[in-house]
Amino acid sequence: MNKKYDVVWSDIAENDLIDIVQFINNDSHSSAINILRKFRNKAKSLYHSPQRGRIIPELREFGVLQYRELIISHWRLMYRIVNKRVYIVAIIDARQNVEDILLQRLLRKK
């Protein structure tokens, strides 16, 4: 029997999703709806099996093992499991360097 987890979207992840959908919507409304459905379905899968995502390889190199990801088209939905909660922390373009993106986001906060 699968555990039931709560899935919580961070503000950053929600903004990432909005930006992605809006960008795609500029070219095709139906494609934007389709990618939104894909993200929702992947997020729903985390309610029962959050361990299915792989540990983020770039973070694993530094011994950071608590962050996982699911691949959706060419985006990476990144999350962390804490007790019975799954925190979706970001969605980034898989074609970009994760370390660069994280550094940019950290510098923006200062």
N, C-alpha and C. Protein backbone atom coordinates (compact mmCIF):
# COMPACT_ATOMS: atom_id res chain seq x y z
N MET A 1 0.84 -1.18 0.00
CA MET A 1 0.00 0.00 0.00
C MET A 1 0.89 1.25 0.00
N ASN A 2 0.57 2.17 -0.87
CA ASN A 2 1.38 3.39 -1.00
C ASN A 2 1.05 4.39 0.09
N LYS A 3 2.07 5.11 0.52
CA LYS A 3 1.87 6.21 1.47
C LYS A 3 1.17 7.34 0.74
N LYS A 4 0.50 8.15 1.49
CA LYS A 4 -0.12 9.35 0.94
C LYS A 4 0.67 10.55 1.43
N TYR A 5 1.16 11.34 0.51
CA TYR A 5 1.94 12.53 0.83
C TYR A 5 1.16 13.78 0.46
N ASP A 6 1.43 14.87 1.15
CA ASP A 6 0.94 16.18 0.73
C ASP A 6 1.95 16.74 -0.27
N VAL A 7 1.47 17.39 -1.30
CA VAL A 7 2.35 18.03 -2.28
C VAL A 7 2.15 19.53 -2.15
N VAL A 8 3.25 20.24 -1.91
CA VAL A 8 3.22 21.69 -1.69
C VAL A 8 4.10 22.35 -2.74
N TRP A 9 3.53 23.30 -3.47
CA TRP A 9 4.28 24.05 -4.48
C TRP A 9 4.87 25.31 -3.84
N SER A 10 6.15 25.52 -4.02
CA SER A 10 6.76 26.77 -3.56
C SER A 10 6.33 27.90 -4.50
N ASP A 11 6.45 29.12 -4.02
CA ASP A 11 6.15 30.28 -4.87
C ASP A 11 7.04 30.28 -6.11
N ILE A 12 8.29 29.93 -5.94
CA ILE A 12 9.22 29.90 -7.07
C ILE A 12 8.76 28.89 -8.11
N ALA A 13 8.39 27.69 -7.69
CA ALA A 13 7.94 26.66 -8.63
C ALA A 13 6.65 27.08 -9.33
N GLU A 14 5.73 27.68 -8.58
CA GLU A 14 4.49 28.16 -9.20
C GLU A 14 4.80 29.22 -10.25
N ASN A 15 5.70 30.14 -9.93
CA ASN A 15 6.08 31.18 -10.90
C ASN A 15 6.78 30.58 -12.11
N ASP A 16 7.62 29.57 -11.89
CA ASP A 16 8.27 28.88 -13.01
C ASP A 16 7.22 28.29 -13.94
N LEU A 17 6.23 27.62 -13.36
CA LEU A 17 5.18 26.99 -14.16
C LEU A 17 4.38 28.04 -14.94
N ILE A 18 4.02 29.12 -14.28
CA ILE A 18 3.27 30.19 -14.95
C ILE A 18 4.09 30.75 -16.12
N ASP A 19 5.37 30.99 -15.89
CA ASP A 19 6.23 31.53 -16.95
C ASP A 19 6.30 30.57 -18.15
N ILE A 20 6.45 29.29 -17.87
CA ILE A 20 6.53 28.29 -18.94
C ILE A 20 5.24 28.26 -19.75
N VAL A 21 4.12 28.18 -19.06
CA VAL A 21 2.82 28.09 -19.74
C VAL A 21 2.54 29.37 -20.54
N GLN A 22 2.85 30.52 -19.97
CA GLN A 22 2.63 31.77 -20.70
C GLN A 22 3.52 31.86 -21.94
N PHE A 23 4.76 31.43 -21.80
CA PHE A 23 5.68 31.46 -22.94
C PHE A 23 5.16 30.57 -24.07
N ILE A 24 4.74 29.36 -23.74
CA ILE A 24 4.23 28.43 -24.75
C ILE A 24 2.92 28.95 -25.33
N ASN A 25 2.11 29.56 -24.49
CA ASN A 25 0.81 30.08 -24.94
C ASN A 25 0.98 31.16 -26.01
N ASN A 26 2.11 31.87 -26.02
CA ASN A 26 2.36 32.87 -27.05
C ASN A 26 2.37 32.26 -28.45
N ASP A 27 2.77 31.00 -28.53
CA ASP A 27 2.80 30.31 -29.82
C ASP A 27 1.58 29.42 -30.05
N SER A 28 1.13 28.76 -28.99
CA SER A 28 0.04 27.79 -29.16
C SER A 28 -0.69 27.58 -27.84
N HIS A 29 -1.96 27.96 -27.84
CA HIS A 29 -2.78 27.79 -26.64
C HIS A 29 -2.94 26.30 -26.30
N SER A 30 -3.17 25.49 -27.31
CA SER A 30 -3.38 24.05 -27.05
C SER A 30 -2.10 23.39 -26.52
N SER A 31 -0.94 23.82 -26.99
CA SER A 31 0.32 23.28 -26.47
C SER A 31 0.53 23.70 -25.02
N ALA A 32 0.14 24.94 -24.70
CA ALA A 32 0.26 25.42 -23.33
C ALA A 32 -0.62 24.60 -22.39
N ILE A 33 -1.85 24.34 -22.82
CA ILE A 33 -2.76 23.51 -22.00
C ILE A 33 -2.20 22.10 -21.85
N ASN A 34 -1.64 21.56 -22.91
CA ASN A 34 -1.07 20.22 -22.88
C ASN A 34 0.09 20.12 -21.89
N ILE A 35 1.00 21.10 -21.92
CA ILE A 35 2.15 21.04 -21.00
C ILE A 35 1.70 21.26 -19.56
N LEU A 36 0.71 22.11 -19.36
CA LEU A 36 0.17 22.31 -18.01
C LEU A 36 -0.40 21.00 -17.48
N ARG A 37 -1.11 20.26 -18.31
CA ARG A 37 -1.65 18.95 -17.90
C ARG A 37 -0.53 17.98 -17.54
N LYS A 38 0.54 18.00 -18.33
CA LYS A 38 1.67 17.11 -18.04
C LYS A 38 2.28 17.42 -16.68
N PHE A 39 2.46 18.70 -16.41
CA PHE A 39 3.01 19.08 -15.10
C PHE A 39 2.07 18.67 -13.97
N ARG A 40 0.79 18.91 -14.13
CA ARG A 40 -0.18 18.53 -13.09
C ARG A 40 -0.18 17.03 -12.85
N ASN A 41 -0.15 16.25 -13.93
CA ASN A 41 -0.15 14.79 -13.78
C ASN A 41 1.10 14.28 -13.10
N LYS A 42 2.25 14.85 -13.46
CA LYS A 42 3.49 14.43 -12.79
C LYS A 42 3.45 14.81 -11.31
N ALA A 43 2.96 16.01 -11.01
CA ALA A 43 2.86 16.44 -9.62
C ALA A 43 1.90 15.53 -8.85
N LYS A 44 0.80 15.14 -9.47
CA LYS A 44 -0.16 14.24 -8.82
C LYS A 44 0.48 12.89 -8.49
N SER A 45 1.39 12.43 -9.34
CA SER A 45 2.04 11.14 -9.10
C SER A 45 2.88 11.17 -7.83
N LEU A 46 3.27 12.36 -7.38
CA LEU A 46 4.07 12.48 -6.17
C LEU A 46 3.26 12.23 -4.90
N TYR A 47 1.93 12.30 -4.99
CA TYR A 47 1.08 12.01 -3.83
C TYR A 47 1.28 10.58 -3.32
N HIS A 48 1.62 9.67 -4.24
CA HIS A 48 1.73 8.27 -3.86
C HIS A 48 3.15 7.71 -3.97
N SER A 49 3.95 8.27 -4.85
CA SER A 49 5.28 7.68 -5.04
C SER A 49 6.36 8.73 -5.32
N PRO A 50 6.65 9.57 -4.33
CA PRO A 50 7.65 10.61 -4.56
C PRO A 50 9.07 10.07 -4.72
N GLN A 51 9.33 8.86 -4.25
CA GLN A 51 10.68 8.29 -4.38
C GLN A 51 11.01 7.93 -5.82
N ARG A 52 10.03 7.98 -6.71
CA ARG A 52 10.26 7.56 -8.09
C ARG A 52 11.21 8.48 -8.84
N GLY A 53 11.30 9.72 -8.45
CA GLY A 53 12.20 10.66 -9.11
C GLY A 53 13.64 10.37 -8.76
N ARG A 54 14.52 10.73 -9.67
CA ARG A 54 15.94 10.50 -9.41
C ARG A 54 16.52 11.63 -8.56
N ILE A 55 17.56 11.32 -7.82
CA ILE A 55 18.29 12.34 -7.09
C ILE A 55 18.97 13.22 -8.13
N ILE A 56 18.94 14.53 -7.93
CA ILE A 56 19.48 15.47 -8.91
C ILE A 56 20.99 15.26 -9.02
N PRO A 57 21.45 14.83 -10.21
CA PRO A 57 22.86 14.44 -10.36
C PRO A 57 23.86 15.55 -9.99
N GLU A 58 23.58 16.79 -10.38
CA GLU A 58 24.50 17.88 -10.10
C GLU A 58 24.64 18.14 -8.60
N LEU A 59 23.59 17.87 -7.85
CA LEU A 59 23.65 18.05 -6.40
C LEU A 59 24.26 16.82 -5.72
N ARG A 60 24.02 15.66 -6.29
CA ARG A 60 24.59 14.42 -5.76
C ARG A 60 26.11 14.51 -5.70
N GLU A 61 26.70 15.14 -6.71
CA GLU A 61 28.16 15.30 -6.75
C GLU A 61 28.70 15.99 -5.51
N PHE A 62 27.85 16.85 -4.89
CA PHE A 62 28.26 17.59 -3.69
C PHE A 62 27.71 16.96 -2.41
N GLY A 63 27.17 15.75 -2.52
CA GLY A 63 26.65 15.06 -1.35
C GLY A 63 25.26 15.51 -0.92
N VAL A 64 24.59 16.29 -1.76
CA VAL A 64 23.23 16.74 -1.45
C VAL A 64 22.26 15.73 -2.07
N LEU A 65 21.65 14.92 -1.21
CA LEU A 65 20.86 13.80 -1.69
C LEU A 65 19.36 13.95 -1.45
N GLN A 66 18.93 15.03 -0.84
CA GLN A 66 17.52 15.15 -0.48
C GLN A 66 16.64 15.75 -1.59
N TYR A 67 17.24 16.18 -2.70
CA TYR A 67 16.46 16.77 -3.79
C TYR A 67 16.35 15.78 -4.94
N ARG A 68 15.14 15.65 -5.45
CA ARG A 68 14.86 14.73 -6.54
C ARG A 68 14.24 15.51 -7.70
N GLU A 69 14.09 14.81 -8.82
CA GLU A 69 13.49 15.47 -9.97
C GLU A 69 12.74 14.48 -10.84
N LEU A 70 11.76 15.02 -11.55
CA LEU A 70 11.06 14.31 -12.61
C LEU A 70 11.26 15.11 -13.88
N ILE A 71 11.45 14.41 -14.99
CA ILE A 71 11.64 15.07 -16.28
C ILE A 71 10.28 15.15 -16.98
N ILE A 72 9.96 16.36 -17.45
CA ILE A 72 8.72 16.59 -18.17
C ILE A 72 9.10 17.35 -19.44
N SER A 73 8.99 16.67 -20.57
CA SER A 73 9.47 17.21 -21.85
C SER A 73 10.93 17.61 -21.65
N HIS A 74 11.26 18.88 -21.75
CA HIS A 74 12.66 19.26 -21.50
C HIS A 74 12.77 20.16 -20.27
N TRP A 75 11.90 19.90 -19.31
CA TRP A 75 11.98 20.61 -18.03
C TRP A 75 12.24 19.62 -16.91
N ARG A 76 12.79 20.14 -15.84
CA ARG A 76 13.08 19.33 -14.66
C ARG A 76 12.25 19.87 -13.50
N LEU A 77 11.33 19.08 -13.01
CA LEU A 77 10.52 19.43 -11.85
C LEU A 77 11.29 18.93 -10.63
N MET A 78 11.78 19.87 -9.83
CA MET A 78 12.64 19.54 -8.70
C MET A 78 11.86 19.62 -7.40
N TYR A 79 12.10 18.65 -6.53
CA TYR A 79 11.34 18.60 -5.28
C TYR A 79 12.15 17.96 -4.17
N ARG A 80 11.62 18.11 -2.97
CA ARG A 80 12.24 17.55 -1.77
C ARG A 80 11.16 16.88 -0.94
N ILE A 81 11.47 15.74 -0.39
CA ILE A 81 10.53 15.00 0.46
C ILE A 81 10.93 15.22 1.92
N VAL A 82 9.98 15.69 2.72
CA VAL A 82 10.21 15.88 4.15
C VAL A 82 9.02 15.25 4.88
N ASN A 83 9.31 14.17 5.58
CA ASN A 83 8.26 13.42 6.27
C ASN A 83 7.16 13.03 5.29
N LYS A 84 5.96 13.51 5.50
CA LYS A 84 4.84 13.16 4.62
C LYS A 84 4.50 14.28 3.64
N ARG A 85 5.47 15.17 3.40
CA ARG A 85 5.24 16.27 2.46
C ARG A 85 6.27 16.23 1.33
N VAL A 86 5.80 16.60 0.16
CA VAL A 86 6.67 16.76 -0.99
C VAL A 86 6.62 18.24 -1.36
N TYR A 87 7.78 18.89 -1.31
CA TYR A 87 7.87 20.31 -1.64
C TYR A 87 8.44 20.45 -3.04
N ILE A 88 7.62 20.94 -3.96
CA ILE A 88 8.10 21.22 -5.31
C ILE A 88 8.80 22.58 -5.23
N VAL A 89 10.10 22.59 -5.52
CA VAL A 89 10.90 23.79 -5.28
C VAL A 89 11.21 24.59 -6.53
N ALA A 90 11.21 23.96 -7.69
CA ALA A 90 11.54 24.69 -8.92
C ALA A 90 11.23 23.84 -10.15
N ILE A 91 11.07 24.53 -11.26
CA ILE A 91 11.00 23.89 -12.57
C ILE A 91 12.00 24.63 -13.45
N ILE A 92 12.97 23.90 -13.96
CA ILE A 92 13.97 24.57 -14.79
C ILE A 92 14.11 23.86 -16.13
N ASP A 93 14.64 24.57 -17.08
CA ASP A 93 14.88 24.05 -18.41
C ASP A 93 16.06 23.08 -18.34
N ALA A 94 15.85 21.86 -18.77
CA ALA A 94 16.89 20.83 -18.68
C ALA A 94 18.07 21.10 -19.60
N ARG A 95 17.88 22.02 -20.55
CA ARG A 95 18.97 22.34 -21.48
C ARG A 95 19.94 23.35 -20.89
N GLN A 96 19.61 23.87 -19.72
CA GLN A 96 20.47 24.85 -19.06
C GLN A 96 21.23 24.19 -17.91
N ASN A 97 22.30 24.83 -17.49
CA ASN A 97 23.13 24.34 -16.41
C ASN A 97 22.45 24.62 -15.06
N VAL A 98 22.18 23.57 -14.31
CA VAL A 98 21.49 23.70 -13.02
C VAL A 98 22.27 24.59 -12.06
N GLU A 99 23.57 24.41 -12.00
CA GLU A 99 24.38 25.20 -11.08
C GLU A 99 24.28 26.69 -11.40
N ASP A 100 24.31 27.04 -12.70
CA ASP A 100 24.18 28.44 -13.10
C ASP A 100 22.83 29.02 -12.69
N ILE A 101 21.78 28.25 -12.91
CA ILE A 101 20.42 28.71 -12.58
C ILE A 101 20.27 28.92 -11.07
N LEU A 102 20.76 27.97 -10.29
CA LEU A 102 20.66 28.10 -8.84
C LEU A 102 21.46 29.31 -8.35
N LEU A 103 22.63 29.51 -8.90
CA LEU A 103 23.44 30.66 -8.52
C LEU A 103 22.73 31.97 -8.87
N GLN A 104 22.15 32.06 -10.06
CA GLN A 104 21.41 33.25 -10.46
C GLN A 104 20.26 33.53 -9.48
N ARG A 105 19.55 32.48 -9.12
CA ARG A 105 18.40 32.65 -8.21
C ARG A 105 18.86 33.08 -6.82
N LEU A 106 19.96 32.54 -6.36
CA LEU A 106 20.47 32.92 -5.05
C LEU A 106 20.93 34.37 -5.06
N LEU A 107 21.58 34.80 -6.12
CA LEU A 107 22.06 36.16 -6.21
C LEU A 107 20.93 37.16 -6.33
N ARG A 108 19.84 36.76 -7.00
CA ARG A 108 18.67 37.63 -7.13
C ARG A 108 18.00 37.91 -5.79
N LYS A 109 18.09 36.98 -4.87
CA LYS A 109 17.44 37.12 -3.56
C LYS A 109 18.14 38.14 -2.67
N LYS A 110 19.42 38.40 -2.93
CA LYS A 110 20.20 39.30 -2.05
C LYS A 110 19.87 40.74 -2.28
